[in-house]
Amino acid sequence: MKKLLFVIMMCVAVVANAQSWSKNLEKKAKKGDVAAQVAVANAYASGDGVKLGLNKAAKWYYEAAKQGHMEARLKLYSFYSKE
């Protein structure tokens, strides 16, 4: 029983840490950090640590693409070429 409780507590800690990480990264992205913008976009595109959100991913790829980030431009293009 103690092992199960320990595993549950560790899972909760990991989820809380992921949410904290994503919030801090999104703050950097909002301030214009292009690497953070791409990382946030990738997270939303894959649902890694956040709820899957393709519209949010496209928004952040767009913000990074405006700053000349080539990966963001390519990902944004792939989003719109699929439609």
Foldseek 3Di string as FASTA:
>chain_A
DVVVVVVVVVVVVVLVVLLVVLVVLVVVLVVLPLVSLQVNLVCLCVVPSHRNDNVSSLVSLVSSVVVPDPVSVVVNVVVVVVD
